[in-house]
C-alpha atoms as a PDB file:
ATOM      1  CA  MET A   1      21.648  13.804 -10.839  1.00  0.00           C
ATOM      2  CA  ASP A   2      25.078  12.343 -10.180  1.00  0.00           C
ATOM      3  CA  LEU A   3      24.877   8.553 -10.246  1.00  0.00           C
ATOM      4  CA  GLY A   4      28.081   7.583  -8.465  1.00  0.00           C
ATOM      5  CA  PRO A   5      28.828   4.221  -6.874  1.00  0.00           C
ATOM      6  CA  GLN A   6      27.176   5.172  -3.575  1.00  0.00           C
ATOM      7  CA  GLN A   7      23.958   6.281  -5.238  1.00  0.00           C
ATOM      8  CA  LEU A   8      23.927   3.232  -7.526  1.00  0.00           C
ATOM      9  CA  GLY A   9      24.388   0.937  -4.534  1.00  0.00           C
ATOM     10  CA  LYS A  10      21.458   2.531  -2.718  1.00  0.00           C
ATOM     11  CA  TRP A  11      19.217   2.114  -5.777  1.00  0.00           C
ATOM     12  CA  LEU A  12      20.217  -1.544  -6.159  1.00  0.00           C
ATOM     13  CA  ILE A  13      19.428  -2.227  -2.505  1.00  0.00           C
ATOM     14  CA  LEU A  14      16.044  -0.524  -2.868  1.00  0.00           C
ATOM     15  CA  ILE A  15      15.231  -2.523  -6.004  1.00  0.00           C
ATOM     16  CA  GLY A  16      16.245  -5.739  -4.220  1.00  0.00           C
ATOM     17  CA  ILE A  17      13.968  -4.961  -1.274  1.00  0.00           C
ATOM     18  CA  ILE A  18      11.058  -4.233  -3.628  1.00  0.00           C
ATOM     19  CA  ILE A  19      11.621  -7.523  -5.486  1.00  0.00           C
ATOM     20  CA  ALA A  20      11.769  -9.459  -2.191  1.00  0.00           C
ATOM     21  CA  ILE A  21       8.542  -7.867  -0.933  1.00  0.00           C
ATOM     22  CA  THR A  22       6.811  -8.575  -4.263  1.00  0.00           C
ATOM     23  CA  GLY A  23       7.949 -12.196  -4.111  1.00  0.00           C
ATOM     24  CA  GLY A  24       6.603 -12.563  -0.578  1.00  0.00           C
ATOM     25  CA  VAL A  25       3.244 -11.084  -1.564  1.00  0.00           C
ATOM     26  CA  VAL A  26       2.959 -13.408  -4.582  1.00  0.00           C
ATOM     27  CA  MET A  27       3.834 -16.448  -2.451  1.00  0.00           C
ATOM     28  CA  THR A  28       1.261 -15.466   0.179  1.00  0.00           C
ATOM     29  CA  LEU A  29      -1.447 -14.871  -2.434  1.00  0.00           C
ATOM     30  CA  GLY A  30      -0.657 -18.243  -4.004  1.00  0.00           C
ATOM     31  CA  GLN A  31      -1.041 -20.015  -0.658  1.00  0.00           C
ATOM     32  CA  ILE A  32      -4.461 -18.511  -0.017  1.00  0.00           C
ATOM     33  CA  GLY A  33      -5.668 -19.519  -3.488  1.00  0.00           C
ATOM     34  CA  PHE A  34      -5.641 -16.177  -5.295  1.00  0.00           C
ATOM     35  CA  PHE A  35      -4.170 -17.652  -8.478  1.00  0.00           C
ATOM     36  CA  LYS A  36      -6.884 -20.326  -8.732  1.00  0.00           C
ATOM     37  CA  LEU A  37      -9.800 -18.055  -9.598  1.00  0.00           C
ATOM     38  CA  PRO A  38     -12.625 -19.283 -11.865  1.00  0.00           C
ATOM     39  CA  GLY A  39     -11.423 -17.206 -14.831  1.00  0.00           C
ATOM     40  CA  ASP A  40      -7.902 -18.639 -14.726  1.00  0.00           C
ATOM     41  CA  LEU A  41      -7.269 -21.274 -17.385  1.00  0.00           C
ATOM     42  CA  GLU A  42      -5.147 -24.349 -16.797  1.00  0.00           C
ATOM     43  CA  PHE A  43      -4.365 -27.006 -19.385  1.00  0.00           C
ATOM     44  CA  GLY A  44      -2.043 -29.913 -19.202  1.00  0.00           C
ATOM     45  CA  SER A  45      -1.365 -33.590 -18.793  1.00  0.00           C
ATOM     46  CA  LYS A  46       1.027 -35.731 -16.829  1.00  0.00           C
ATOM     47  CA  ASN A  47       4.233 -34.154 -18.132  1.00  0.00           C
ATOM     48  CA  TRP A  48       3.298 -30.563 -18.946  1.00  0.00           C
ATOM     49  CA  ARG A  49       1.011 -27.779 -17.807  1.00  0.00           C
ATOM     50  CA  ILE A  50       0.025 -24.371 -19.173  1.00  0.00           C
ATOM     51  CA  TYR A  51      -1.464 -21.850 -16.771  1.00  0.00           C
ATOM     52  CA  ILE A  52      -3.088 -18.636 -18.063  1.00  0.00           C
ATOM     53  CA  PRO A  53      -4.160 -16.377 -15.141  1.00  0.00           C
ATOM     54  CA  ILE A  54      -6.701 -14.168 -16.941  1.00  0.00           C
ATOM     55  CA  ALA A  55      -8.925 -13.313 -13.950  1.00  0.00           C
ATOM     56  CA  SER A  56      -5.959 -12.838 -11.614  1.00  0.00           C
ATOM     57  CA  CYS A  57      -4.303 -10.422 -14.062  1.00  0.00           C
ATOM     58  CA  ILE A  58      -7.500  -8.396 -14.414  1.00  0.00           C
ATOM     59  CA  ILE A  59      -7.880  -8.078 -10.634  1.00  0.00           C
ATOM     60  CA  ILE A  60      -4.214  -7.116 -10.178  1.00  0.00           C
ATOM     61  CA  SER A  61      -4.550  -4.544 -12.978  1.00  0.00           C
ATOM     62  CA  VAL A  62      -7.625  -2.958 -11.417  1.00  0.00           C
ATOM     63  CA  ILE A  63      -5.979  -2.795  -7.976  1.00  0.00           C
ATOM     64  CA  LEU A  64      -2.779  -1.248  -9.356  1.00  0.00           C
ATOM     65  CA  THR A  65      -4.781   1.239 -11.436  1.00  0.00           C
ATOM     66  CA  VAL A  66      -6.709   2.405  -8.369  1.00  0.00           C
ATOM     67  CA  ILE A  67      -3.537   2.678  -6.270  1.00  0.00           C
ATOM     68  CA  LEU A  68      -1.684   4.672  -8.933  1.00  0.00           C
ATOM     69  CA  TRP A  69      -4.711   6.881  -9.539  1.00  0.00           C
ATOM     70  CA  LEU A  70      -4.932   7.654  -5.806  1.00  0.00           C
ATOM     71  CA  ILE A  71      -1.213   8.435  -5.643  1.00  0.00           C
ATOM     72  CA  ASN A  72      -1.548  10.782  -8.619  1.00  0.00           C
ATOM     73  CA  TYR A  73      -4.693  12.391  -7.156  1.00  0.00           C
ATOM     74  CA  PHE A  74      -3.083  13.163  -3.783  1.00  0.00           C
ATOM     75  CA  ARG A  75       0.167  14.437  -5.329  1.00  0.00           C
ATOM     76  CA  ARG A  76      -1.656  17.372  -6.942  1.00  0.00           C
END
């Protein structure tokens, strides 16, 4: 595969679009309260805060696993 300037530019545009879509999805999920699940840990005080999204990461992992499994299943 020849990766000239034209091809590289197309890949960079595609990656930028994917990052923008991912950012929009994360912002939307945050607004509806997805990242405040009962299994998510949050510690902090007035000046600092640590947020550990355990339950959110598990749900995202399961969803991505199912999606990738379906893609692999239908590609055969």
